[in-house]
Each structure stands twice: as structure tokens, then as C-alpha cells.
Amino acid sequence: MAVPKRRVSKARRDKRRSSVWKLAVPNFSRCSQCGQLMVPHRVCKNCGFYKSREVISKEA
């Protein structure tokens, strides 16, 4: 079985592990109808439109 030749320092080990736990920030786009910020490829929570079509009817 393979055994490491030298011990890996804490700094080197932690640098390797650091990028695994970072969370990605969600991207936002503007709604084509109302201009509200929204997550892409989702129905707009403000007006209920998706791809210039009304999916959810919102009462005014």
C-alpha cells in the first residue's frame, strides 16, 4: 500500500481543501416584463411571467 514520503504541512493541506467549501453566489437577471431582479430560468415572483408569457396570474 502506498505511504506518503513526507508529511503534508497544515498550510498546504488547508489550501487544497479551501476551494471545496466555497458557495457560489446565484446569478440574477432582469425580468423582461417588470424589470425586477430574478433567478434565470424561473417564473418571476413579482409579475408571474416566464419567457414573455404569463404563467401565474397575479391580482393587481
N, C-alpha and C. Protein backbone atom coordinates (compact mmCIF):
# COMPACT_ATOMS: atom_id res chain seq x y z
N MET A 1 0.83 -1.18 0.00
CA MET A 1 0.00 0.00 0.00
C MET A 1 0.88 1.25 0.00
N ALA A 2 0.47 2.28 -0.74
CA ALA A 2 1.28 3.49 -0.86
C ALA A 2 1.23 4.31 0.43
N VAL A 3 2.40 4.82 0.81
CA VAL A 3 2.52 5.65 2.01
C VAL A 3 3.18 6.96 1.60
N PRO A 4 2.68 8.12 2.08
CA PRO A 4 3.30 9.40 1.71
C PRO A 4 4.75 9.48 2.19
N LYS A 5 5.62 10.03 1.36
CA LYS A 5 7.04 10.12 1.71
C LYS A 5 7.25 11.14 2.83
N ARG A 6 6.58 12.32 2.73
CA ARG A 6 6.70 13.36 3.75
C ARG A 6 5.32 13.78 4.22
N ARG A 7 5.27 14.27 5.43
CA ARG A 7 4.02 14.78 5.99
C ARG A 7 3.65 16.08 5.29
N VAL A 8 2.38 16.23 4.98
CA VAL A 8 1.90 17.45 4.33
C VAL A 8 1.65 18.49 5.41
N SER A 9 2.18 19.71 5.21
CA SER A 9 2.01 20.76 6.22
C SER A 9 0.54 21.20 6.30
N LYS A 10 0.17 21.81 7.42
CA LYS A 10 -1.21 22.25 7.62
C LYS A 10 -1.60 23.32 6.61
N ALA A 11 -0.67 24.20 6.29
CA ALA A 11 -0.97 25.27 5.33
C ALA A 11 -1.24 24.70 3.94
N ARG A 12 -0.40 23.76 3.51
CA ARG A 12 -0.59 23.16 2.19
C ARG A 12 -1.89 22.35 2.14
N ARG A 13 -2.16 21.61 3.19
CA ARG A 13 -3.39 20.82 3.27
C ARG A 13 -4.63 21.73 3.23
N ASP A 14 -4.59 22.81 4.00
CA ASP A 14 -5.74 23.71 4.07
C ASP A 14 -5.95 24.48 2.76
N LYS A 15 -4.87 24.81 2.07
CA LYS A 15 -5.00 25.47 0.77
C LYS A 15 -5.70 24.56 -0.23
N ARG A 16 -5.39 23.29 -0.18
CA ARG A 16 -6.02 22.33 -1.08
C ARG A 16 -7.51 22.18 -0.78
N ARG A 17 -7.86 22.19 0.46
CA ARG A 17 -9.25 21.98 0.87
C ARG A 17 -10.11 23.24 0.79
N SER A 18 -9.52 24.39 0.69
CA SER A 18 -10.27 25.64 0.83
C SER A 18 -11.30 25.86 -0.27
N SER A 19 -11.02 25.47 -1.49
CA SER A 19 -11.93 25.76 -2.59
C SER A 19 -13.15 24.85 -2.61
N VAL A 20 -13.13 23.77 -1.85
CA VAL A 20 -14.23 22.80 -1.87
C VAL A 20 -15.47 23.36 -1.18
N TRP A 21 -15.27 24.17 -0.14
CA TRP A 21 -16.39 24.58 0.71
C TRP A 21 -16.96 25.94 0.34
N LYS A 22 -16.46 26.58 -0.69
CA LYS A 22 -16.98 27.89 -1.07
C LYS A 22 -18.32 27.74 -1.77
N LEU A 23 -19.26 28.59 -1.40
CA LEU A 23 -20.58 28.57 -2.02
C LEU A 23 -20.60 29.54 -3.20
N ALA A 24 -21.29 29.14 -4.25
CA ALA A 24 -21.42 30.01 -5.41
C ALA A 24 -22.59 30.95 -5.21
N VAL A 25 -22.41 32.21 -5.60
CA VAL A 25 -23.48 33.20 -5.50
C VAL A 25 -24.41 33.00 -6.68
N PRO A 26 -25.74 32.95 -6.45
CA PRO A 26 -26.65 32.76 -7.58
C PRO A 26 -26.64 33.97 -8.51
N ASN A 27 -26.75 33.70 -9.80
CA ASN A 27 -26.80 34.78 -10.78
C ASN A 27 -28.21 35.34 -10.83
N PHE A 28 -28.31 36.61 -11.17
CA PHE A 28 -29.60 37.26 -11.30
C PHE A 28 -29.71 37.88 -12.67
N SER A 29 -30.94 37.94 -13.17
CA SER A 29 -31.21 38.64 -14.43
C SER A 29 -32.44 39.50 -14.22
N ARG A 30 -32.71 40.38 -15.17
CA ARG A 30 -33.87 41.26 -15.09
C ARG A 30 -35.05 40.62 -15.80
N CYS A 31 -36.22 40.76 -15.22
CA CYS A 31 -37.46 40.27 -15.84
C CYS A 31 -37.76 41.14 -17.06
N SER A 32 -38.17 40.52 -18.16
CA SER A 32 -38.44 41.27 -19.38
C SER A 32 -39.73 42.09 -19.27
N GLN A 33 -40.61 41.73 -18.36
CA GLN A 33 -41.89 42.44 -18.21
C GLN A 33 -41.79 43.59 -17.21
N CYS A 34 -41.36 43.27 -15.99
CA CYS A 34 -41.40 44.28 -14.92
C CYS A 34 -40.03 44.84 -14.55
N GLY A 35 -38.95 44.21 -14.99
CA GLY A 35 -37.61 44.70 -14.69
C GLY A 35 -37.09 44.31 -13.32
N GLN A 36 -37.81 43.49 -12.59
CA GLN A 36 -37.41 43.03 -11.26
C GLN A 36 -36.25 42.03 -11.39
N LEU A 37 -35.35 42.03 -10.41
CA LEU A 37 -34.28 41.04 -10.39
C LEU A 37 -34.87 39.67 -10.09
N MET A 38 -34.43 38.66 -10.83
CA MET A 38 -34.94 37.30 -10.64
C MET A 38 -33.87 36.29 -10.99
N VAL A 39 -34.04 35.07 -10.53
CA VAL A 39 -33.13 33.98 -10.86
C VAL A 39 -33.46 33.52 -12.28
N PRO A 40 -32.47 33.33 -13.15
CA PRO A 40 -32.76 32.95 -14.54
C PRO A 40 -33.46 31.59 -14.63
N HIS A 41 -34.27 31.43 -15.66
CA HIS A 41 -35.00 30.20 -15.96
C HIS A 41 -36.02 29.86 -14.88
N ARG A 42 -36.56 30.89 -14.23
CA ARG A 42 -37.60 30.71 -13.23
C ARG A 42 -38.71 31.72 -13.52
N VAL A 43 -39.91 31.44 -13.03
CA VAL A 43 -41.02 32.38 -13.16
C VAL A 43 -40.74 33.56 -12.25
N CYS A 44 -41.02 34.77 -12.75
CA CYS A 44 -40.83 35.99 -11.96
C CYS A 44 -41.85 36.00 -10.83
N LYS A 45 -41.37 36.20 -9.60
CA LYS A 45 -42.26 36.21 -8.45
C LYS A 45 -43.08 37.49 -8.39
N ASN A 46 -42.60 38.54 -9.04
CA ASN A 46 -43.29 39.82 -8.97
C ASN A 46 -44.49 39.87 -9.92
N CYS A 47 -44.30 39.46 -11.18
CA CYS A 47 -45.38 39.60 -12.17
C CYS A 47 -45.93 38.26 -12.67
N GLY A 48 -45.21 37.15 -12.46
CA GLY A 48 -45.71 35.84 -12.88
C GLY A 48 -45.43 35.49 -14.32
N PHE A 49 -44.51 36.20 -14.98
CA PHE A 49 -44.19 35.94 -16.39
C PHE A 49 -42.94 35.09 -16.50
N TYR A 50 -42.89 34.27 -17.55
CA TYR A 50 -41.70 33.50 -17.90
C TYR A 50 -41.61 33.46 -19.41
N LYS A 51 -40.48 33.91 -19.96
CA LYS A 51 -40.25 33.98 -21.41
C LYS A 51 -41.38 34.73 -22.11
N SER A 52 -41.72 35.90 -21.58
CA SER A 52 -42.74 36.80 -22.14
C SER A 52 -44.13 36.19 -22.20
N ARG A 53 -44.37 35.15 -21.40
CA ARG A 53 -45.72 34.56 -21.31
C ARG A 53 -46.15 34.58 -19.86
N GLU A 54 -47.45 34.82 -19.63
CA GLU A 54 -47.96 34.81 -18.27
C GLU A 54 -48.20 33.37 -17.84
N VAL A 55 -47.49 32.94 -16.81
CA VAL A 55 -47.59 31.59 -16.32
C VAL A 55 -48.49 31.55 -15.08
N ILE A 56 -48.28 32.52 -14.20
CA ILE A 56 -49.07 32.64 -12.97
C ILE A 56 -49.83 33.96 -13.04
N SER A 57 -51.14 33.92 -12.92
CA SER A 57 -51.91 35.17 -12.96
C SER A 57 -51.84 35.82 -11.58
N LYS A 58 -51.38 37.07 -11.58
CA LYS A 58 -51.26 37.85 -10.34
C LYS A 58 -52.39 38.87 -10.31
N GLU A 59 -53.01 39.00 -9.14
CA GLU A 59 -54.05 40.02 -8.98
C GLU A 59 -53.40 41.35 -8.67
N ALA A 60 -53.90 42.41 -9.27
CA ALA A 60 -53.31 43.73 -9.10
C ALA A 60 -53.67 44.39 -7.81
